[in-house]
C-alpha atoms as a PDB file:
ATOM      1  CA  MET A   1       9.961   3.915   4.656  1.00  0.00           C
ATOM      2  CA  LEU A   2      10.377   1.021   7.031  1.00  0.00           C
ATOM      3  CA  ARG A   3      10.743   1.451  10.766  1.00  0.00           C
ATOM      4  CA  ASP A   4      14.081   0.408  12.193  1.00  0.00           C
ATOM      5  CA  GLY A   5      13.954  -2.985  13.831  1.00  0.00           C
ATOM      6  CA  VAL A   6      10.809  -4.237  12.032  1.00  0.00           C
ATOM      7  CA  GLU A   7      11.575  -7.651  10.669  1.00  0.00           C
ATOM      8  CA  TYR A   8       8.078  -8.457   9.363  1.00  0.00           C
ATOM      9  CA  PRO A   9       6.132  -5.466   8.020  1.00  0.00           C
ATOM     10  CA  GLY A  10       3.613  -7.648   6.171  1.00  0.00           C
ATOM     11  CA  ARG A  11       2.387  -5.461   3.325  1.00  0.00           C
ATOM     12  CA  GLY A  12       3.171  -1.810   3.062  1.00  0.00           C
ATOM     13  CA  LEU A  13       2.612   1.214   0.930  1.00  0.00           C
ATOM     14  CA  ALA A  14       3.795   4.785   0.575  1.00  0.00           C
ATOM     15  CA  ILE A  15       2.567   7.667  -1.563  1.00  0.00           C
ATOM     16  CA  GLY A  16       4.211  11.047  -2.016  1.00  0.00           C
ATOM     17  CA  ARG A  17       6.920  12.901  -3.929  1.00  0.00           C
ATOM     18  CA  ASP A  18      10.541  11.938  -4.281  1.00  0.00           C
ATOM     19  CA  VAL A  19      13.561  14.133  -3.532  1.00  0.00           C
ATOM     20  CA  ASP A  20      13.081  15.805  -6.962  1.00  0.00           C
ATOM     21  CA  GLY A  21       9.367  16.358  -6.475  1.00  0.00           C
ATOM     22  CA  VAL A  22       8.231  13.484  -8.738  1.00  0.00           C
ATOM     23  CA  PRO A  23       4.925  11.906  -7.577  1.00  0.00           C
ATOM     24  CA  PHE A  24       5.033   8.202  -6.872  1.00  0.00           C
ATOM     25  CA  PHE A  25       3.655   5.321  -4.887  1.00  0.00           C
ATOM     26  CA  SER A  26       5.388   2.151  -3.591  1.00  0.00           C
ATOM     27  CA  TYR A  27       3.818  -1.116  -2.623  1.00  0.00           C
ATOM     28  CA  TRP A  28       5.536  -4.167  -1.088  1.00  0.00           C
ATOM     29  CA  LEU A  29       4.734  -7.622   0.165  1.00  0.00           C
ATOM     30  CA  THR A  30       6.367  -9.960   2.588  1.00  0.00           C
ATOM     31  CA  GLY A  31       5.180 -13.397   3.697  1.00  0.00           C
ATOM     32  CA  ARG A  32       5.848 -16.186   6.161  1.00  0.00           C
ATOM     33  CA  SER A  33       3.998 -19.118   4.651  1.00  0.00           C
ATOM     34  CA  ALA A  34       4.575 -20.887   1.323  1.00  0.00           C
ATOM     35  CA  ALA A  35       1.237 -19.566   0.040  1.00  0.00           C
ATOM     36  CA  SER A  36       2.167 -15.994   0.909  1.00  0.00           C
ATOM     37  CA  GLN A  37       5.558 -16.402  -0.671  1.00  0.00           C
ATOM     38  CA  ALA A  38       4.048 -17.768  -3.923  1.00  0.00           C
ATOM     39  CA  ARG A  39       2.938 -14.377  -5.301  1.00  0.00           C
ATOM     40  CA  GLU A  40       4.016 -11.859  -7.930  1.00  0.00           C
ATOM     41  CA  LEU A  41       3.007  -8.394  -9.044  1.00  0.00           C
ATOM     42  CA  VAL A  42       1.524  -8.066 -12.537  1.00  0.00           C
ATOM     43  CA  VAL A  43       1.607  -4.566 -13.960  1.00  0.00           C
ATOM     44  CA  ARG A  44      -1.088  -3.516 -16.437  1.00  0.00           C
ATOM     45  CA  GLU A  45      -1.811  -0.069 -17.821  1.00  0.00           C
ATOM     46  CA  ARG A  46      -4.425   0.843 -15.217  1.00  0.00           C
ATOM     47  CA  GLU A  47      -4.076  -1.996 -12.656  1.00  0.00           C
ATOM     48  CA  ILE A  48      -1.434  -3.750 -10.576  1.00  0.00           C
ATOM     49  CA  ILE A  49      -2.461  -7.256  -9.530  1.00  0.00           C
ATOM     50  CA  VAL A  50      -1.116  -9.540  -6.830  1.00  0.00           C
ATOM     51  CA  ARG A  51      -1.230 -12.967  -8.530  1.00  0.00           C
ATOM     52  CA  ASP A  52      -0.648 -16.516  -7.262  1.00  0.00           C
ATOM     53  CA  THR A  53       2.344 -18.335  -8.783  1.00  0.00           C
ATOM     54  CA  SER A  54       1.667 -21.797  -7.293  1.00  0.00           C
ATOM     55  CA  GLY A  55      -1.339 -22.853  -9.275  1.00  0.00           C
ATOM     56  CA  GLY A  56      -3.315 -23.276  -6.020  1.00  0.00           C
ATOM     57  CA  PRO A  57      -6.848 -21.976  -5.250  1.00  0.00           C
ATOM     58  CA  ALA A  58      -7.695 -18.304  -5.311  1.00  0.00           C
ATOM     59  CA  ASP A  59      -7.527 -16.523  -1.958  1.00  0.00           C
ATOM     60  CA  ASP A  60      -8.940 -13.022  -1.736  1.00  0.00           C
ATOM     61  CA  LEU A  61      -6.718 -12.225   1.236  1.00  0.00           C
ATOM     62  CA  ARG A  62      -3.602 -12.966  -0.802  1.00  0.00           C
ATOM     63  CA  HIS A  63      -4.570 -12.378  -4.423  1.00  0.00           C
ATOM     64  CA  TYR A  64      -6.202  -9.091  -5.390  1.00  0.00           C
ATOM     65  CA  THR A  65      -5.907  -5.884  -7.382  1.00  0.00           C
ATOM     66  CA  ALA A  66      -3.414  -3.735  -5.387  1.00  0.00           C
ATOM     67  CA  ALA A  67      -3.673  -0.510  -7.369  1.00  0.00           C
ATOM     68  CA  ILE A  68      -6.116   1.122  -9.879  1.00  0.00           C
ATOM     69  CA  ARG A  69      -5.830   4.431 -11.582  1.00  0.00           C
ATOM     70  CA  GLY A  70      -8.126   6.678 -13.568  1.00  0.00           C
ATOM     71  CA  ASP A  71      -7.238   9.688 -15.669  1.00  0.00           C
ATOM     72  CA  ASP A  72      -6.813  11.883 -12.618  1.00  0.00           C
ATOM     73  CA  TRP A  73      -6.847   9.637  -9.571  1.00  0.00           C
ATOM     74  CA  VAL A  74      -5.119   6.550  -8.061  1.00  0.00           C
ATOM     75  CA  ILE A  75      -5.955   4.106  -5.285  1.00  0.00           C
ATOM     76  CA  VAL A  76      -3.560   1.550  -3.831  1.00  0.00           C
ATOM     77  CA  GLY A  77      -4.003  -0.928  -1.028  1.00  0.00           C
ATOM     78  CA  ASN A  78      -3.630  -4.492   0.304  1.00  0.00           C
ATOM     79  CA  GLY A  79      -6.868  -6.130  -0.688  1.00  0.00           C
ATOM     80  CA  THR A  80     -10.159  -6.305  -2.472  1.00  0.00           C
ATOM     81  CA  GLN A  81     -11.119  -2.859  -0.993  1.00  0.00           C
ATOM     82  CA  VAL A  82      -9.103  -1.262  -3.793  1.00  0.00           C
ATOM     83  CA  GLY A  83     -11.557  -2.433  -6.486  1.00  0.00           C
ATOM     84  CA  GLU A  84     -14.551  -1.627  -4.300  1.00  0.00           C
ATOM     85  CA  LEU A  85     -13.364   1.918  -3.545  1.00  0.00           C
ATOM     86  CA  ALA A  86     -12.546   2.537  -7.184  1.00  0.00           C
ATOM     87  CA  ALA A  87     -15.922   1.360  -8.268  1.00  0.00           C
ATOM     88  CA  ALA A  88     -17.651   3.525  -5.663  1.00  0.00           C
ATOM     89  CA  ARG A  89     -15.568   6.650  -6.393  1.00  0.00           C
ATOM     90  CA  THR A  90     -18.202   8.382  -8.446  1.00  0.00           C
ATOM     91  CA  ARG A  91     -20.645   8.039  -5.524  1.00  0.00           C
ATOM     92  CA  GLN A  92     -18.082   8.798  -2.783  1.00  0.00           C
ATOM     93  CA  PRO A  93     -14.992  10.653  -4.070  1.00  0.00           C
ATOM     94  CA  ASP A  94     -13.828  11.473  -0.527  1.00  0.00           C
ATOM     95  CA  LEU A  95     -11.557   8.540   0.246  1.00  0.00           C
ATOM     96  CA  GLN A  96     -11.181   9.474   3.921  1.00  0.00           C
ATOM     97  CA  ILE A  97     -14.927   9.048   4.357  1.00  0.00           C
ATOM     98  CA  ALA A  98     -15.078   5.970   2.164  1.00  0.00           C
ATOM     99  CA  LEU A  99     -12.439   4.238   4.350  1.00  0.00           C
ATOM    100  CA  ARG A 100     -14.801   4.292   7.304  1.00  0.00           C
ATOM    101  CA  GLY A 101     -16.905   1.603   5.618  1.00  0.00           C
ATOM    102  CA  LEU A 102     -14.077  -0.935   5.765  1.00  0.00           C
ATOM    103  CA  THR A 103     -13.135  -3.361   8.480  1.00  0.00           C
ATOM    104  CA  TYR A 104     -10.007  -5.434   9.035  1.00  0.00           C
ATOM    105  CA  GLU A 105      -9.373  -8.700   7.309  1.00  0.00           C
ATOM    106  CA  PRO A 106     -11.249 -11.807   8.595  1.00  0.00           C
ATOM    107  CA  ASP A 107      -8.101 -13.709   9.679  1.00  0.00           C
ATOM    108  CA  PRO A 108      -8.291 -14.017  13.486  1.00  0.00           C
ATOM    109  CA  PRO A 109      -6.482 -13.949  15.735  1.00  0.00           C
ATOM    110  CA  ILE A 110      -4.231 -11.515  13.837  1.00  0.00           C
ATOM    111  CA  ARG A 111      -6.992  -9.351  12.256  1.00  0.00           C
ATOM    112  CA  THR A 112      -4.749  -7.847   9.618  1.00  0.00           C
ATOM    113  CA  PRO A 113      -5.445  -4.177   8.880  1.00  0.00           C
ATOM    114  CA  ARG A 114      -6.704  -3.157   5.488  1.00  0.00           C
ATOM    115  CA  ILE A 115      -4.372  -0.361   4.419  1.00  0.00           C
ATOM    116  CA  THR A 116      -5.264   2.030   1.579  1.00  0.00           C
ATOM    117  CA  ALA A 117      -3.993   5.229   0.015  1.00  0.00           C
ATOM    118  CA  GLY A 118      -5.249   7.462  -2.762  1.00  0.00           C
ATOM    119  CA  ALA A 119      -4.736  10.828  -4.400  1.00  0.00           C
ATOM    120  CA  THR A 120      -5.898  13.129  -7.122  1.00  0.00           C
ATOM    121  CA  LEU A 121      -3.375  13.443 -10.004  1.00  0.00           C
ATOM    122  CA  THR A 122      -2.876  16.885 -11.468  1.00  0.00           C
ATOM    123  CA  SER A 123      -0.348  18.656 -13.638  1.00  0.00           C
ATOM    124  CA  ALA A 124       1.094  20.053 -10.423  1.00  0.00           C
ATOM    125  CA  GLY A 125       1.533  16.575  -8.905  1.00  0.00           C
ATOM    126  CA  LEU A 126      -0.470  15.044  -6.080  1.00  0.00           C
ATOM    127  CA  THR A 127      -3.370  16.696  -4.298  1.00  0.00           C
ATOM    128  CA  ASP A 128      -5.936  15.504  -1.729  1.00  0.00           C
ATOM    129  CA  VAL A 129      -3.653  12.691  -0.601  1.00  0.00           C
ATOM    130  CA  VAL A 130      -5.229  10.228   1.860  1.00  0.00           C
ATOM    131  CA  ILE A 131      -3.689   7.214   3.609  1.00  0.00           C
ATOM    132  CA  GLY A 132      -5.531   5.159   6.192  1.00  0.00           C
ATOM    133  CA  ALA A 133      -6.332   1.788   7.700  1.00  0.00           C
ATOM    134  CA  ALA A 134      -9.106  -0.295   9.075  1.00  0.00           C
ATOM    135  CA  ARG A 135      -7.481  -1.944  12.064  1.00  0.00           C
ATOM    136  CA  PRO A 136      -8.627  -3.734  15.257  1.00  0.00           C
ATOM    137  CA  TYR A 137      -8.894  -1.381  18.207  1.00  0.00           C
ATOM    138  CA  ASP A 138      -6.161  -2.211  20.760  1.00  0.00           C
ATOM    139  CA  GLY A 139      -7.722  -3.809  23.839  1.00  0.00           C
ATOM    140  CA  ALA A 140     -11.069  -4.442  22.093  1.00  0.00           C
ATOM    141  CA  PRO A 141     -10.311  -6.114  18.806  1.00  0.00           C
ATOM    142  CA  GLU A 142     -13.936  -6.704  17.912  1.00  0.00           C
ATOM    143  CA  LEU A 143     -14.079  -2.978  17.227  1.00  0.00           C
ATOM    144  CA  THR A 144     -12.571  -1.333  14.144  1.00  0.00           C
ATOM    145  CA  GLU A 145     -10.709   1.982  14.187  1.00  0.00           C
ATOM    146  CA  HIS A 146      -9.809   4.011  11.140  1.00  0.00           C
ATOM    147  CA  PRO A 147      -6.596   6.067  11.622  1.00  0.00           C
ATOM    148  CA  SER A 148      -5.826   8.207   8.607  1.00  0.00           C
ATOM    149  CA  LEU A 149      -3.870  11.194   7.364  1.00  0.00           C
ATOM    150  CA  TYR A 150      -4.878  13.782   4.783  1.00  0.00           C
ATOM    151  CA  ALA A 151      -2.612  16.200   2.868  1.00  0.00           C
ATOM    152  CA  ALA A 152      -3.935  18.812   0.485  1.00  0.00           C
ATOM    153  CA  ARG A 153      -0.487  18.850  -1.068  1.00  0.00           C
ATOM    154  CA  ILE A 154       2.761  16.862  -0.552  1.00  0.00           C
ATOM    155  CA  ALA A 155       6.107  18.594  -0.317  1.00  0.00           C
ATOM    156  CA  PRO A 156       9.063  17.251  -2.317  1.00  0.00           C
ATOM    157  CA  GLY A 157      10.955  14.521  -0.425  1.00  0.00           C
ATOM    158  CA  THR A 158       7.910  13.523   1.603  1.00  0.00           C
ATOM    159  CA  ALA A 159       5.575  10.559   1.655  1.00  0.00           C
ATOM    160  CA  LEU A 160       2.739   9.132   3.692  1.00  0.00           C
ATOM    161  CA  THR A 161       3.245   5.457   4.572  1.00  0.00           C
ATOM    162  CA  THR A 162       1.971   2.560   6.617  1.00  0.00           C
ATOM    163  CA  THR A 163       2.401  -1.179   6.963  1.00  0.00           C
ATOM    164  CA  THR A 164       0.089  -3.942   8.120  1.00  0.00           C
ATOM    165  CA  TYR A 165       2.490  -5.220  10.779  1.00  0.00           C
ATOM    166  CA  ALA A 166       5.382  -3.894  12.914  1.00  0.00           C
ATOM    167  CA  GLY A 167       6.887  -6.886  14.668  1.00  0.00           C
ATOM    168  CA  THR A 168       8.800 -10.043  13.841  1.00  0.00           C
ATOM    169  CA  ALA A 169       7.863 -13.216  11.972  1.00  0.00           C
ATOM    170  CA  ASP A 170       7.484 -14.999  15.327  1.00  0.00           C
ATOM    171  CA  ASN A 171       5.668 -12.125  17.044  1.00  0.00           C
ATOM    172  CA  VAL A 172       3.322 -10.423  14.630  1.00  0.00           C
ATOM    173  CA  VAL A 173       2.331  -6.922  15.830  1.00  0.00           C
ATOM    174  CA  VAL A 174      -0.623  -5.285  14.119  1.00  0.00           C
ATOM    175  CA  ASN A 175       0.158  -1.842  12.781  1.00  0.00           C
ATOM    176  CA  GLY A 176      -1.889   0.221  10.251  1.00  0.00           C
ATOM    177  CA  HIS A 177      -0.953   3.625  11.819  1.00  0.00           C
ATOM    178  CA  PRO A 178      -0.131   6.136   9.042  1.00  0.00           C
ATOM    179  CA  GLU A 179       3.088   8.111   9.277  1.00  0.00           C
ATOM    180  CA  VAL A 180       4.925  10.824   7.428  1.00  0.00           C
ATOM    181  CA  THR A 181       8.366   9.859   6.149  1.00  0.00           C
ATOM    182  CA  VAL A 182      11.317  11.571   4.410  1.00  0.00           C
ATOM    183  CA  ILE A 183      12.162  10.442   0.906  1.00  0.00           C
ATOM    184  CA  ALA A 184      15.812  11.212   0.128  1.00  0.00           C
ATOM    185  CA  LEU A 185      15.978   9.294  -3.153  1.00  0.00           C
ATOM    186  CA  PRO A 186      14.707   9.672  -6.710  1.00  0.00           C
ATOM    187  CA  TRP A 187      11.655   7.495  -7.379  1.00  0.00           C
ATOM    188  CA  SER A 188      13.686   5.128  -9.590  1.00  0.00           C
ATOM    189  CA  ALA A 189      15.923   4.201  -6.656  1.00  0.00           C
ATOM    190  CA  ILE A 190      13.252   3.609  -4.049  1.00  0.00           C
ATOM    191  CA  THR A 191      12.345   0.035  -4.910  1.00  0.00           C
ATOM    192  CA  ASP A 192      15.917  -1.244  -4.706  1.00  0.00           C
ATOM    193  CA  ASN A 193      16.451   0.591  -1.432  1.00  0.00           C
ATOM    194  CA  LEU A 194      13.266  -0.880  -0.054  1.00  0.00           C
ATOM    195  CA  TRP A 195      14.054  -4.356  -1.250  1.00  0.00           C
ATOM    196  CA  GLN A 196      17.409  -4.289   0.491  1.00  0.00           C
ATOM    197  CA  SER A 197      15.678  -3.198   3.748  1.00  0.00           C
ATOM    198  CA  LEU A 198      13.382  -6.220   3.725  1.00  0.00           C
ATOM    199  CA  GLN A 199      14.422  -9.575   5.265  1.00  0.00           C
ATOM    200  CA  PRO A 200      15.568 -11.839   2.388  1.00  0.00           C
ATOM    201  CA  SER A 201      13.658 -14.847   3.844  1.00  0.00           C
ATOM    202  CA  LEU A 202      10.363 -12.904   3.994  1.00  0.00           C
ATOM    203  CA  ARG A 203      10.357 -10.548   1.009  1.00  0.00           C
ATOM    204  CA  VAL A 204       8.020 -11.397  -1.830  1.00  0.00           C
ATOM    205  CA  ALA A 205       7.586  -8.424  -4.205  1.00  0.00           C
ATOM    206  CA  ALA A 206       7.885  -4.626  -4.353  1.00  0.00           C
ATOM    207  CA  ILE A 207       7.180  -1.917  -6.905  1.00  0.00           C
ATOM    208  CA  THR A 208       7.436   1.838  -7.238  1.00  0.00           C
ATOM    209  CA  VAL A 209       5.371   3.626  -9.846  1.00  0.00           C
ATOM    210  CA  ARG A 210       5.916   7.205 -11.128  1.00  0.00           C
ATOM    211  CA  LEU A 211       2.493   8.941 -11.222  1.00  0.00           C
ATOM    212  CA  ASP A 212       3.049  11.851 -13.664  1.00  0.00           C
ATOM    213  CA  THR A 213       2.485   9.461 -16.595  1.00  0.00           C
ATOM    214  CA  SER A 214      -0.803   8.215 -18.038  1.00  0.00           C
ATOM    215  CA  THR A 215      -0.354   4.517 -17.194  1.00  0.00           C
ATOM    216  CA  PHE A 216       1.402   2.282 -14.677  1.00  0.00           C
ATOM    217  CA  THR A 217       3.335   0.471 -17.413  1.00  0.00           C
ATOM    218  CA  GLU A 218       5.142   3.644 -18.538  1.00  0.00           C
ATOM    219  CA  ALA A 219       7.243   4.106 -15.376  1.00  0.00           C
ATOM    220  CA  ALA A 220       7.333   1.228 -12.900  1.00  0.00           C
ATOM    221  CA  ARG A 221      10.299  -0.171 -11.041  1.00  0.00           C
ATOM    222  CA  THR A 222      10.547  -3.635  -9.538  1.00  0.00           C
ATOM    223  CA  PRO A 223      13.688  -5.291  -7.973  1.00  0.00           C
END
């Protein structure tokens, strides 16, 4: 799920079906600073939270709800937009349209993309899968662009994925462009494979959650 040669992907996510057709999502964090490193993922029945471990002040750009699920839907992302989109879902169930209301994070000069994915959960797996970003427009960063992908259904062994960055720790390159990737593993092996792909000095946390259960806590894998 990671591009070759990307040392510092920032935060990333993927949603799709594993090699056996099991629906899942993955979410991972890397960080350069001590504050970004001092985080953990807390898994609750219907939420996954990125929590501070240092005892320092709250920071909405680092500490947030990364995933929320209902009975038949899920939303995952890298910031407070996850809670906002979940709360607004009854008014705007079309996530691809809802994403247009977002802008990138207020952290100049980087302007980190807000990346988000969501899907409807059915007995047949995932439907109406959306992944997208609010990222600065190249060449005119005061503007926001919203690249996204939509799939009515996802084939086995396929996921939609994106990351906030695509460069190195010394040369941060803004990403946020969604891609389609091949998943050649069962969902239970994805986290360990992903963890080994991340730079040890930068990796913070990672999780993969099976989505054909009723809660996150029933089937989640961390390193």
